[in-house]
Amino acid sequence: MSSQQEEFEKKLNDSRVKYVNSLPGRISEIKLIWNQLNKNEWRTEVLLKMQNLAHNLAGSGGTFGFPKLSDQARALEHSLNELKTSNNTHPDENKKILIDDILSALQEVELETIRQSPALPTPLTKADVVYILDADNESSFAMSRQLMYYGCSVKVINEISSLEIQLHNATPLLILIDYDFAELMLGGHNVVRTLRKQWLLTCPIIYISLRDDFESRMHAIKATASAYFTKPLDVALLMERINILTNAGIVEPYRILLVEDDEELANYYALVMKRGGMNVFIETKPELALSKILELNPELVVMDLYMPNYNGIDLIKLIRQHQSLLTLPIVLLTAEKDINLQFLAREVGVDDFLQKPITESHLFDSVLNRVQRSRYMNMSMTKDSLTGLFVHKKINEYLDIHLNICRRYKRSLSYIILDIDNFKTINDTYGHLAGDNVLVSLANLLKTSVRVTDFVGRYGGEEFVIISPETDEISAFNTVERVRKKFAEMQHYADDKVFNVTFSAGISAFPKCADTDIVMAMADKALYQSKDNGRNQSTIG
């Protein structure tokens, strides 16, 4: 393929990606108009606007290679055409129900289109489907979109007959079931046992609910549900729990640093742990353990107690001297049974002991359980509950660690700070719920627009941060400009209002900026330049 042809194919793919990203806004606008028609006076000119949007969707869907989307939009267009009246009166209920059914089918096709699009990451290592059992279409479709941004394949089920058909065809990776759906459609709180007994399901089953009371949670436990989440869902924490329950590789593998001077033994331990999808890094020289921790940012350190010239307790004291490593989980491998020594080790920060000789299953289970709990607790403490992004403190820690790596290995790093323009006006005009939705929309866009190696955080309020290792300021500028333009095109909704939002950005980089304070100060200064120059732009500091 010639370079010219490759460039053409790239532009074609970019167009498809842009189109797919616009689908939620297009279909939400159609639904918004339909809700207006039903709530307010029936007006033919409003109906014609909805029909025109359906007509455009029918034409564009086929053009971009999504025939199912086109067919469903055309069915909507034809049905709306039959509703035209000369006296602006509401149609009968049967015709309204028909349009509601078509709109639900259109949303299902939208989700299928997004799922098939190359625009979204697909980190799942299995092809299994996540079932959502929920009679609330709005809630289930919103949940589906969020899950698919993480690469999940999702099937929404809102009738018991549909569930039976699906279960006869395939066993899901996991089931998310709404508490009220269970109560209404599947005989109450024994739904999990029913699914296990009648359909012999062994997959995890998670309750989701608007309720957060003791009784509901206890019923879920007695029904042997695998987990219980309240609505609105914290999707980042849900994805982590799904990964724990299914080992599906939905989120990045656990990072383990193994410090063991016996290379043969270290390779054996690593092989056992890697079998469960963990990333295991080996360090056979204990004097390099600290620098390896600072470089790799592991979630768990497994360390031999006795090594030549050093012992694990002294090394742990050294590690704990660093403020950012005070809570890093550390497990000691040891044949030592002296209780006093174990007490001493716990005093300096050892979290657990693994007794040598250790079986493969014991090693794997112990390390997996420890790192799973560590990550889950870390996410709860270090991630913003609204957006699922890292909080202020974690941003600063990450920046410190990676600037140290950059100095040591003479690498580059870019720091980007983004601020939503006129955010107070958005809250005042459309309400705080709409403002929260804008924050979540930008967070999701950032997550899916940057590299896996980039760090995304919410600095506070309407400010976000991207830290990009191995990136100069020009590359960072190009990245944030691409995101900025896409965000400016996104439509947001509040009741019957549709509005657009923009952000401004400031960029700084190492080694041009020598330390953490200067990197952050220069990015802040560049951000204010963007604001002063009219907003909705990016500036390099």
Protein backbone atom coordinates (compact mmCIF):
# COMPACT_ATOMS: atom_id res chain seq x y z
CA MET A 1 0.00 0.00 0.00
CA SER A 2 1.38 3.41 -0.98
CA SER A 3 1.90 6.15 1.61
CA GLN A 4 -0.85 8.15 -0.10
CA GLN A 5 -3.24 5.22 0.22
CA GLU A 6 -2.24 4.71 3.87
CA GLU A 7 -2.93 8.37 4.60
CA PHE A 8 -6.33 8.05 2.93
CA GLU A 9 -7.18 4.93 4.98
CA LYS A 10 -6.13 6.73 8.16
CA LYS A 11 -8.38 9.70 7.40
CA LEU A 12 -11.23 7.33 6.55
CA ASN A 13 -10.81 5.51 9.86
CA ASP A 14 -10.59 8.82 11.75
CA SER A 15 -13.89 9.85 10.18
CA ARG A 16 -15.53 6.60 11.31
CA VAL A 17 -14.16 7.09 14.81
CA LYS A 18 -15.49 10.66 14.96
CA TYR A 19 -18.89 9.48 13.72
CA VAL A 20 -19.14 6.69 16.30
CA ASN A 21 -18.17 9.11 19.07
CA SER A 22 -21.02 11.39 17.98
CA LEU A 23 -23.70 8.67 18.13
CA PRO A 24 -24.60 9.02 21.85
CA GLY A 25 -25.24 12.74 21.31
CA ARG A 26 -27.26 12.20 18.11
CA ILE A 27 -29.52 9.54 19.60
CA SER A 28 -29.88 11.38 22.91
CA GLU A 29 -31.10 14.43 20.95
CA ILE A 30 -33.72 12.30 19.17
CA LYS A 31 -34.91 10.90 22.50
CA LEU A 32 -34.94 14.36 24.05
CA ILE A 33 -37.28 15.64 21.32
CA TRP A 34 -39.54 12.61 21.71
CA ASN A 35 -39.81 13.24 25.45
CA GLN A 36 -40.63 16.91 24.77
CA LEU A 37 -43.41 15.92 22.37
CA ASN A 38 -44.99 13.61 24.92
CA LYS A 39 -44.69 15.98 27.88
CA ASN A 40 -45.75 19.18 26.14
CA GLU A 41 -48.18 20.25 23.45
CA TRP A 42 -47.91 18.05 20.35
CA ARG A 43 -46.40 20.17 17.58
CA THR A 44 -45.91 18.99 14.02
CA GLU A 45 -42.83 21.17 13.45
CA VAL A 46 -41.10 19.49 16.41
CA LEU A 47 -42.06 16.08 15.05
CA LEU A 48 -40.58 17.06 11.68
CA LYS A 49 -37.29 17.98 13.38
CA MET A 50 -37.15 14.54 15.00
CA GLN A 51 -37.98 12.89 11.68
CA ASN A 52 -35.23 14.85 9.95
CA LEU A 53 -32.68 13.72 12.58
CA ALA A 54 -33.77 10.11 12.02
CA HIS A 55 -33.47 10.62 8.23
CA ASN A 56 -29.91 11.96 8.61
CA LEU A 57 -28.97 9.08 10.87
CA ALA A 58 -30.38 6.56 8.39
CA GLY A 59 -28.27 8.04 5.59
CA SER A 60 -25.05 8.49 7.56
CA GLY A 61 -25.20 5.06 9.21
CA GLY A 62 -25.01 3.28 5.87
CA THR A 63 -22.36 5.66 4.56
CA PHE A 64 -20.02 4.89 7.46
CA GLY A 65 -20.59 1.15 7.18
CA PHE A 66 -23.21 0.52 9.88
CA PRO A 67 -26.23 -0.93 8.01
CA LYS A 68 -28.10 -2.05 11.16
CA LEU A 69 -27.99 1.49 12.51
CA SER A 70 -29.23 2.80 9.18
CA ASP A 71 -32.11 0.29 9.02
CA GLN A 72 -33.31 1.05 12.53
CA ALA A 73 -33.13 4.82 11.98
CA ARG A 74 -35.09 4.42 8.73
CA ALA A 75 -37.77 2.41 10.57
CA LEU A 76 -38.04 5.29 13.04
CA GLU A 77 -38.28 7.82 10.21
CA HIS A 78 -41.12 5.92 8.53
CA SER A 79 -43.03 5.47 11.79
CA LEU A 80 -42.73 9.17 12.57
CA ASN A 81 -44.02 9.99 9.10
CA GLU A 82 -47.24 8.13 9.94
CA LEU A 83 -47.72 10.32 13.05
CA LYS A 84 -48.01 13.59 11.12
CA THR A 85 -51.30 15.30 11.88
CA SER A 86 -52.74 18.53 10.63
CA ASN A 87 -54.34 19.52 13.94
CA ASN A 88 -51.30 19.03 16.24
CA THR A 89 -53.02 16.41 18.42
CA HIS A 90 -51.29 13.60 20.29
CA PRO A 91 -51.41 10.17 18.61
CA ASP A 92 -52.97 7.19 20.39
CA GLU A 93 -50.99 5.19 22.98
CA ASN A 94 -50.35 2.21 20.69
CA LYS A 95 -48.50 4.41 18.21
CA LYS A 96 -46.46 5.96 21.04
CA ILE A 97 -45.54 2.51 22.35
CA LEU A 98 -44.37 1.55 18.85
CA ILE A 99 -42.02 4.57 18.73
CA ASP A 100 -40.73 3.75 22.24
CA ASP A 101 -39.92 0.21 21.09
CA ILE A 102 -38.13 1.48 17.99
CA LEU A 103 -36.09 3.94 20.08
CA SER A 104 -35.08 1.13 22.46
CA ALA A 105 -34.01 -1.00 19.49
CA LEU A 106 -32.11 1.98 18.08
CA GLN A 107 -30.20 2.32 21.37
CA GLU A 108 -29.31 -1.38 21.27
CA VAL A 109 -27.94 -0.98 17.74
CA GLU A 110 -26.04 2.12 18.91
CA LEU A 111 -24.34 0.07 21.64
CA GLU A 112 -23.52 -2.68 19.13
CA THR A 113 -22.04 -0.08 16.77
CA ILE A 114 -19.87 1.41 19.51
CA ARG A 115 -18.75 -2.07 20.54
CA GLN A 116 -17.65 -2.95 16.99
CA SER A 117 -15.88 0.34 16.40
CA PRO A 118 -12.06 0.57 16.47
CA ALA A 119 -12.51 3.87 18.33
CA LEU A 120 -12.66 2.11 21.66
CA PRO A 121 -10.02 0.08 23.51
CA THR A 122 -10.62 -3.65 23.80
CA PRO A 123 -8.41 -4.86 26.66
CA LEU A 124 -10.54 -7.92 27.40
CA THR A 125 -8.69 -11.16 26.87
CA LYS A 126 -11.95 -13.14 26.64
CA ALA A 127 -14.87 -12.77 24.24
CA ASP A 128 -17.45 -13.31 27.00
CA VAL A 129 -20.43 -10.99 27.42
CA VAL A 130 -21.49 -9.09 30.53
CA TYR A 131 -25.28 -9.32 31.00
CA ILE A 132 -27.16 -6.39 32.53
CA LEU A 133 -30.59 -7.35 33.90
CA ASP A 134 -32.49 -4.13 34.48
CA ALA A 135 -36.01 -3.03 33.56
CA ASP A 136 -34.91 0.63 33.55
CA ASN A 137 -33.80 1.22 29.95
CA GLU A 138 -32.22 4.62 30.61
CA SER A 139 -30.12 3.27 33.47
CA SER A 140 -29.06 0.09 31.67
CA PHE A 141 -28.06 1.84 28.43
CA ALA A 142 -26.06 4.48 30.32
CA MET A 143 -24.31 1.69 32.22
CA SER A 144 -23.61 -0.19 28.99
CA ARG A 145 -21.92 2.82 27.40
CA GLN A 146 -19.64 3.23 30.41
CA LEU A 147 -18.71 -0.47 30.50
CA MET A 148 -17.96 -0.53 26.78
CA TYR A 149 -15.52 2.34 27.20
CA TYR A 150 -13.53 -0.19 29.23
CA GLY A 151 -13.73 -2.74 26.42
CA CYS A 152 -16.61 -4.85 27.77
CA SER A 153 -19.04 -6.60 25.49
CA VAL A 154 -22.47 -5.91 27.00
CA LYS A 155 -25.97 -7.36 26.53
CA VAL A 156 -28.96 -5.58 28.11
CA ILE A 157 -31.84 -7.85 29.15
CA ASN A 158 -35.11 -6.48 30.51
CA GLU A 159 -37.44 -9.48 30.31
CA ILE A 160 -37.22 -12.93 31.88
CA SER A 161 -38.01 -14.63 28.54
CA SER A 162 -35.05 -12.88 26.94
CA LEU A 163 -32.83 -14.04 29.79
CA GLU A 164 -33.84 -17.66 29.23
CA ILE A 165 -33.05 -17.40 25.51
CA GLN A 166 -29.66 -15.82 26.16
CA LEU A 167 -28.70 -18.38 28.78
CA HIS A 168 -29.58 -21.23 26.43
CA ASN A 169 -27.28 -19.69 23.81
CA ALA A 170 -24.25 -18.80 25.95
CA THR A 171 -22.99 -18.49 29.50
CA PRO A 172 -22.01 -14.90 30.36
CA LEU A 173 -18.75 -13.82 31.88
CA LEU A 174 -20.68 -12.03 34.61
CA ILE A 175 -24.22 -10.82 35.39
CA LEU A 176 -25.15 -7.39 36.76
CA ILE A 177 -28.69 -7.57 38.10
CA ASP A 178 -30.82 -4.71 39.36
CA TYR A 179 -32.29 -5.32 42.82
CA ASP A 180 -35.80 -4.22 41.78
CA PHE A 181 -35.63 -6.32 38.60
CA ALA A 182 -34.78 -9.34 40.75
CA GLU A 183 -37.67 -8.62 43.08
CA LEU A 184 -40.18 -8.02 40.29
CA MET A 185 -39.17 -10.51 37.60
CA LEU A 186 -37.36 -13.34 39.34
CA GLY A 187 -39.17 -13.96 42.59
CA GLY A 188 -37.36 -11.68 45.00
CA HIS A 189 -34.10 -12.06 46.83
CA ASN A 190 -33.50 -15.73 45.89
CA VAL A 191 -32.68 -14.67 42.33
CA VAL A 192 -29.02 -15.69 42.59
CA ARG A 193 -29.88 -19.15 43.92
CA THR A 194 -32.52 -19.45 41.18
CA LEU A 195 -29.97 -18.66 38.49
CA ARG A 196 -27.46 -21.06 40.03
CA LYS A 197 -29.92 -23.92 40.43
CA GLN A 198 -32.09 -23.66 37.33
CA TRP A 199 -29.43 -22.64 34.83
CA LEU A 200 -26.41 -24.08 36.64
CA LEU A 201 -24.60 -20.75 36.41
CA THR A 202 -21.19 -20.52 38.01
CA CYS A 203 -20.31 -17.00 36.81
CA PRO A 204 -20.19 -14.08 39.31
CA ILE A 205 -23.50 -12.26 39.90
CA ILE A 206 -23.42 -8.66 41.14
CA TYR A 207 -26.39 -6.77 42.57
CA ILE A 208 -26.86 -3.13 41.59
CA SER A 209 -29.42 -1.02 43.40
CA LEU A 210 -30.70 2.41 44.34
CA ARG A 211 -30.99 1.07 47.89
CA ASP A 212 -28.15 1.36 50.36
CA ASP A 213 -29.76 0.04 53.53
CA PHE A 214 -28.57 -2.73 55.83
CA GLU A 215 -31.47 -5.07 55.05
CA SER A 216 -30.97 -4.96 51.26
CA ARG A 217 -27.24 -5.56 51.56
CA MET A 218 -27.78 -8.44 53.98
CA HIS A 219 -30.31 -10.04 51.63
CA ALA A 220 -27.71 -9.86 48.83
CA ILE A 221 -25.17 -11.58 51.08
CA LYS A 222 -27.62 -14.33 52.06
CA ALA A 223 -28.51 -14.79 48.40
CA THR A 224 -24.77 -15.38 47.78
CA ALA A 225 -24.39 -12.42 45.43
CA SER A 226 -20.74 -11.86 44.49
CA ALA A 227 -20.87 -8.10 45.20
CA TYR A 228 -23.28 -5.20 45.79
CA PHE A 229 -23.01 -1.76 44.15
CA THR A 230 -25.29 1.25 44.55
CA LYS A 231 -26.49 3.49 41.73
CA PRO A 232 -25.19 5.69 40.22
CA LEU A 233 -22.34 3.25 39.69
CA ASP A 234 -18.71 4.09 40.32
CA VAL A 235 -17.70 2.34 37.08
CA ALA A 236 -13.94 2.43 37.83
CA LEU A 237 -14.45 0.48 41.07
CA LEU A 238 -16.96 -1.82 39.38
CA MET A 239 -14.44 -2.66 36.65
CA GLU A 240 -11.83 -3.46 39.26
CA ARG A 241 -14.25 -5.80 41.05
CA ILE A 242 -15.21 -7.46 37.74
CA ASN A 243 -11.53 -8.04 37.06
CA ILE A 244 -11.06 -9.58 40.52
CA LEU A 245 -14.10 -11.85 40.18
CA THR A 246 -13.43 -13.02 36.62
CA ASN A 247 -9.69 -12.55 36.10
CA ALA A 248 -10.71 -11.27 32.67
CA GLY A 249 -7.88 -8.82 32.15
CA ILE A 250 -10.27 -5.86 31.90
CA VAL A 251 -7.89 -3.56 33.72
CA GLU A 252 -4.12 -3.53 33.64
CA PRO A 253 -2.35 -6.56 35.18
CA TYR A 254 -1.16 -6.37 38.76
CA ARG A 255 2.46 -5.20 39.08
CA ILE A 256 4.60 -7.31 41.41
CA LEU A 257 8.27 -6.70 42.24
CA LEU A 258 10.08 -9.85 43.39
CA VAL A 259 13.36 -9.26 45.26
CA GLU A 260 15.21 -12.59 45.43
CA ASP A 261 18.96 -13.15 45.05
CA ASP A 262 18.58 -16.77 43.91
CA GLU A 263 17.92 -16.29 40.19
CA GLU A 264 16.63 -19.81 39.60
CA LEU A 265 14.20 -19.55 42.51
CA ALA A 266 13.15 -16.06 41.45
CA ASN A 267 12.31 -17.27 37.94
CA TYR A 268 10.27 -20.13 39.41
CA TYR A 269 8.27 -17.80 41.69
CA ALA A 270 7.72 -15.36 38.84
CA LEU A 271 6.46 -18.14 36.56
CA VAL A 272 3.91 -19.21 39.16
CA MET A 273 2.60 -15.66 39.59
CA LYS A 274 2.60 -14.80 35.88
CA ARG A 275 0.27 -17.71 35.28
CA GLY A 276 -2.50 -15.63 36.82
CA GLY A 277 -1.94 -12.67 34.53
CA MET A 278 0.32 -10.69 36.86
CA ASN A 279 3.27 -8.67 35.63
CA VAL A 280 6.24 -9.81 37.72
CA PHE A 281 9.53 -7.92 37.73
CA ILE A 282 12.60 -9.62 39.20
CA GLU A 283 15.46 -7.94 41.04
CA THR A 284 18.27 -10.25 42.15
CA LYS A 285 20.44 -7.47 43.61
CA PRO A 286 18.89 -6.25 46.88
CA GLU A 287 20.86 -2.98 46.77
CA LEU A 288 18.85 -2.04 43.63
CA ALA A 289 15.46 -2.82 45.17
CA LEU A 290 14.62 0.77 46.13
CA SER A 291 15.49 2.22 42.71
CA LYS A 292 13.43 -0.54 41.06
CA ILE A 293 10.44 0.36 43.24
CA LEU A 294 10.73 4.04 42.31
CA GLU A 295 11.04 3.13 38.64
CA LEU A 296 8.30 0.50 38.36
CA ASN A 297 5.78 1.72 40.96
CA PRO A 298 4.74 -1.86 41.89
CA GLU A 299 1.51 -2.62 43.74
CA LEU A 300 3.16 -5.31 45.87
CA VAL A 301 6.74 -6.25 46.79
CA VAL A 302 7.59 -9.87 47.55
CA MET A 303 11.02 -10.08 49.20
CA ASP A 304 13.27 -12.78 50.59
CA LEU A 305 14.16 -12.23 54.25
CA TYR A 306 17.81 -13.30 54.02
CA MET A 307 20.07 -12.26 51.14
CA PRO A 308 23.87 -11.84 50.88
CA ASN A 309 25.08 -8.73 52.78
CA TYR A 310 21.52 -7.59 53.41
CA ASN A 311 18.40 -8.76 55.14
CA GLY A 312 14.81 -7.97 54.26
CA ILE A 313 14.09 -6.04 57.46
CA ASP A 314 16.89 -3.52 56.80
CA LEU A 315 15.72 -3.10 53.22
CA ILE A 316 12.16 -2.47 54.37
CA LYS A 317 13.39 0.21 56.81
CA LEU A 318 15.15 1.86 53.86
CA ILE A 319 12.01 1.68 51.70
CA ARG A 320 9.81 3.11 54.46
CA GLN A 321 12.07 6.18 54.72
CA HIS A 322 10.32 7.42 51.57
CA GLN A 323 7.01 9.10 52.39
CA SER A 324 5.39 7.94 49.16
CA LEU A 325 6.22 4.29 49.97
CA LEU A 326 4.84 4.13 53.52
CA THR A 327 1.74 2.21 52.44
CA LEU A 328 3.33 0.00 49.76
CA PRO A 329 2.38 -3.62 50.65
CA ILE A 330 5.44 -5.81 51.34
CA VAL A 331 5.41 -9.57 51.84
CA LEU A 332 8.42 -11.47 53.20
CA LEU A 333 9.43 -14.92 52.00
CA THR A 334 11.10 -16.74 54.85
CA ALA A 335 11.81 -20.10 56.46
CA GLU A 336 12.20 -18.28 59.81
CA LYS A 337 9.69 -19.30 62.49
CA ASP A 338 10.99 -17.05 65.27
CA ILE A 339 7.93 -15.14 66.57
CA ASN A 340 10.06 -12.29 67.93
CA LEU A 341 11.63 -11.75 64.52
CA GLN A 342 8.19 -11.69 62.92
CA PHE A 343 7.03 -9.08 65.43
CA LEU A 344 10.11 -7.00 64.63
CA ALA A 345 9.37 -7.28 60.92
CA ARG A 346 5.79 -6.12 61.41
CA GLU A 347 7.02 -3.13 63.43
CA VAL A 348 9.06 -1.89 60.45
CA GLY A 349 6.22 -2.37 57.96
CA VAL A 350 5.94 -5.98 56.79
CA ASP A 351 2.36 -6.77 55.80
CA ASP A 352 2.51 -10.55 55.56
CA PHE A 353 4.79 -13.62 55.69
CA LEU A 354 4.98 -16.53 53.27
CA GLN A 355 6.60 -19.56 54.84
CA LYS A 356 9.21 -21.49 52.87
CA PRO A 357 8.96 -24.06 51.41
CA ILE A 358 5.79 -22.81 49.73
CA THR A 359 3.52 -24.65 47.29
CA GLU A 360 2.62 -23.16 43.93
CA SER A 361 -1.05 -22.78 44.83
CA HIS A 362 -0.29 -21.19 48.21
CA LEU A 363 2.14 -18.71 46.66
CA PHE A 364 -0.25 -17.76 43.88
CA ASP A 365 -3.35 -17.44 46.09
CA SER A 366 -1.55 -15.49 48.82
CA VAL A 367 0.00 -12.97 46.43
CA LEU A 368 -3.21 -12.57 44.40
CA ASN A 369 -5.40 -11.99 47.46
CA ARG A 370 -2.96 -9.46 48.90
CA VAL A 371 -2.51 -7.45 45.68
CA GLN A 372 -6.23 -7.51 44.85
CA ARG A 373 -7.15 -6.05 48.22
CA SER A 374 -4.31 -3.56 48.01
CA ARG A 375 -5.42 -2.24 44.63
CA TYR A 376 -9.07 -2.06 45.64
CA MET A 377 -8.29 -0.14 48.83
CA ASN A 378 -5.87 2.08 46.95
CA MET A 379 -8.51 2.92 44.37
CA SER A 380 -11.03 3.75 47.11
CA MET A 381 -8.60 6.16 48.78
CA THR A 382 -6.84 7.65 45.77
CA LYS A 383 -9.56 7.98 43.13
CA ASP A 384 -12.23 10.62 42.80
CA SER A 385 -15.64 9.04 43.43
CA LEU A 386 -17.37 11.00 40.64
CA THR A 387 -14.96 10.52 37.74
CA GLY A 388 -12.85 7.52 38.79
CA LEU A 389 -9.68 9.56 38.16
CA PHE A 390 -6.76 9.94 40.56
CA VAL A 391 -6.97 12.70 43.16
CA HIS A 392 -4.65 15.66 43.87
CA LYS A 393 -2.32 13.80 46.26
CA LYS A 394 -1.82 10.86 43.88
CA ILE A 395 -1.08 13.22 40.98
CA ASN A 396 1.73 14.86 42.93
CA GLU A 397 3.15 11.48 44.03
CA TYR A 398 3.13 10.17 40.48
CA LEU A 399 4.80 13.32 39.17
CA ASP A 400 7.55 13.13 41.82
CA ILE A 401 8.28 9.48 41.10
CA HIS A 402 8.44 9.90 37.33
CA LEU A 403 10.52 13.05 37.43
CA ASN A 404 13.07 11.07 39.47
CA ILE A 405 13.05 8.42 36.75
CA CYS A 406 13.45 11.10 34.07
CA ARG A 407 16.49 12.59 35.83
CA ARG A 408 18.10 9.20 36.32
CA TYR A 409 17.62 7.99 32.75
CA LYS A 410 17.59 11.39 30.97
CA ARG A 411 14.06 11.00 29.68
CA SER A 412 11.35 13.55 28.82
CA LEU A 413 7.98 14.08 30.45
CA SER A 414 5.05 16.42 29.78
CA TYR A 415 2.55 17.80 32.26
CA ILE A 416 -0.83 19.10 31.05
CA ILE A 417 -3.41 20.90 33.17
CA LEU A 418 -6.93 21.36 31.79
CA ASP A 419 -9.66 23.63 33.13
CA ILE A 420 -13.29 23.61 31.93
CA ASP A 421 -14.25 27.05 30.67
CA ASN A 422 -17.01 28.95 32.53
CA PHE A 423 -17.86 25.95 34.68
CA LYS A 424 -19.63 28.05 37.34
CA THR A 425 -21.95 29.37 34.64
CA ILE A 426 -22.75 25.79 33.59
CA ASN A 427 -23.72 24.90 37.18
CA ASP A 428 -25.74 28.11 37.61
CA THR A 429 -27.55 27.73 34.28
CA TYR A 430 -28.17 23.99 34.01
CA GLY A 431 -27.79 22.75 37.60
CA HIS A 432 -25.13 20.83 39.49
CA LEU A 433 -26.26 17.45 38.13
CA ALA A 434 -25.59 18.67 34.58
CA GLY A 435 -22.23 20.02 35.79
CA ASP A 436 -21.34 16.61 37.23
CA ASN A 437 -22.27 14.96 33.93
CA VAL A 438 -19.92 17.33 32.09
CA LEU A 439 -17.09 16.37 34.47
CA VAL A 440 -17.76 12.66 33.92
CA SER A 441 -17.92 13.13 30.14
CA LEU A 442 -14.53 14.84 30.07
CA ALA A 443 -13.04 12.21 32.39
CA ASN A 444 -14.23 9.38 30.12
CA LEU A 445 -12.95 11.18 27.03
CA LEU A 446 -9.52 11.63 28.62
CA LYS A 447 -9.35 7.96 29.68
CA THR A 448 -10.05 6.75 26.14
CA SER A 449 -7.95 9.37 24.31
CA VAL A 450 -4.53 9.01 25.95
CA ARG A 451 -2.02 6.17 26.03
CA VAL A 452 -2.08 3.37 28.59
CA THR A 453 1.20 4.73 29.97
CA ASP A 454 -0.25 8.21 30.55
CA PHE A 455 -1.59 9.25 33.94
CA VAL A 456 -4.94 11.08 34.17
CA GLY A 457 -6.16 12.78 37.35
CA ARG A 458 -8.74 15.24 38.60
CA TYR A 459 -6.79 18.00 40.33
CA GLY A 460 -9.89 19.47 41.94
CA GLY A 461 -13.13 21.13 40.91
CA GLU A 462 -13.12 21.45 37.14
CA GLU A 463 -9.33 20.98 36.73
CA PHE A 464 -7.80 17.82 35.25
CA VAL A 465 -4.19 16.73 34.77
CA ILE A 466 -2.45 14.49 32.23
CA ILE A 467 1.13 13.31 32.90
CA SER A 468 2.79 11.83 29.82
CA PRO A 469 6.15 10.05 30.26
CA GLU A 470 8.48 9.87 27.25
CA THR A 471 6.68 12.84 25.67
CA ASP A 472 7.93 16.29 24.68
CA GLU A 473 5.77 19.42 24.83
CA ILE A 474 5.00 19.44 21.08
CA SER A 475 3.61 15.89 21.17
CA ALA A 476 1.67 16.73 24.34
CA PHE A 477 0.26 19.83 22.66
CA ASN A 478 -0.93 17.79 19.66
CA THR A 479 -2.59 15.25 21.98
CA VAL A 480 -4.45 17.79 24.09
CA GLU A 481 -5.54 19.75 21.02
CA ARG A 482 -7.08 16.60 19.55
CA VAL A 483 -8.96 15.99 22.81
CA ARG A 484 -9.98 19.66 23.11
CA LYS A 485 -11.55 19.74 19.65
CA LYS A 486 -13.42 16.49 20.26
CA PHE A 487 -14.75 17.70 23.63
CA ALA A 488 -15.93 20.99 22.11
CA GLU A 489 -18.04 18.99 19.63
CA MET A 490 -19.72 16.86 22.32
CA GLN A 491 -23.29 17.78 23.22
CA HIS A 492 -24.52 17.81 26.83
CA TYR A 493 -28.10 17.66 28.03
CA ALA A 494 -30.09 19.13 30.91
CA ASP A 495 -33.85 18.54 30.80
CA ASP A 496 -34.89 19.99 27.43
CA LYS A 497 -31.68 21.99 26.89
CA VAL A 498 -28.66 21.02 24.76
CA PHE A 499 -25.34 22.79 25.24
CA ASN A 500 -21.63 22.55 24.39
CA VAL A 501 -18.66 23.00 26.71
CA THR A 502 -14.98 23.78 26.09
CA PHE A 503 -11.77 23.63 28.12
CA SER A 504 -8.45 25.47 28.15
CA ALA A 505 -5.06 23.83 28.73
CA GLY A 506 -1.50 24.65 29.77
CA ILE A 507 1.52 22.45 29.03
CA SER A 508 4.98 22.22 30.57
CA ALA A 509 7.75 19.68 30.16
CA PHE A 510 10.88 18.18 31.69
CA PRO A 511 13.83 18.78 31.25
CA LYS A 512 12.88 22.33 30.24
CA CYS A 513 11.37 22.67 33.73
CA ALA A 514 13.84 21.27 36.25
CA ASP A 515 11.69 20.08 39.18
CA THR A 516 8.14 19.35 40.33
CA ASP A 517 7.30 22.88 41.50
CA ILE A 518 8.55 24.49 38.28
CA VAL A 519 6.75 21.93 36.07
CA MET A 520 3.44 22.64 37.82
CA ALA A 521 3.96 26.42 37.98
CA MET A 522 4.79 26.68 34.27
CA ALA A 523 1.75 24.63 33.29
CA ASP A 524 -0.45 26.85 35.49
CA LYS A 525 1.01 29.96 33.89
CA ALA A 526 0.38 28.56 30.41
CA LEU A 527 -3.21 27.69 31.38
CA TYR A 528 -3.88 31.27 32.46
CA GLN A 529 -2.46 32.47 29.14
CA SER A 530 -4.99 30.25 27.36
CA LYS A 531 -7.77 31.73 29.49
CA ASP A 532 -6.60 35.31 28.95
CA ASN A 533 -6.36 34.80 25.18
CA GLY A 534 -10.02 33.82 24.87
CA ARG A 535 -10.31 30.27 26.29
CA ASN A 536 -10.86 27.01 24.33
CA GLN A 537 -7.17 26.71 23.42
CA SER A 538 -3.88 25.17 24.57
CA THR A 539 -0.63 26.95 25.39
CA ILE A 540 2.91 25.64 25.91
CA GLY A 541 4.70 27.18 28.90
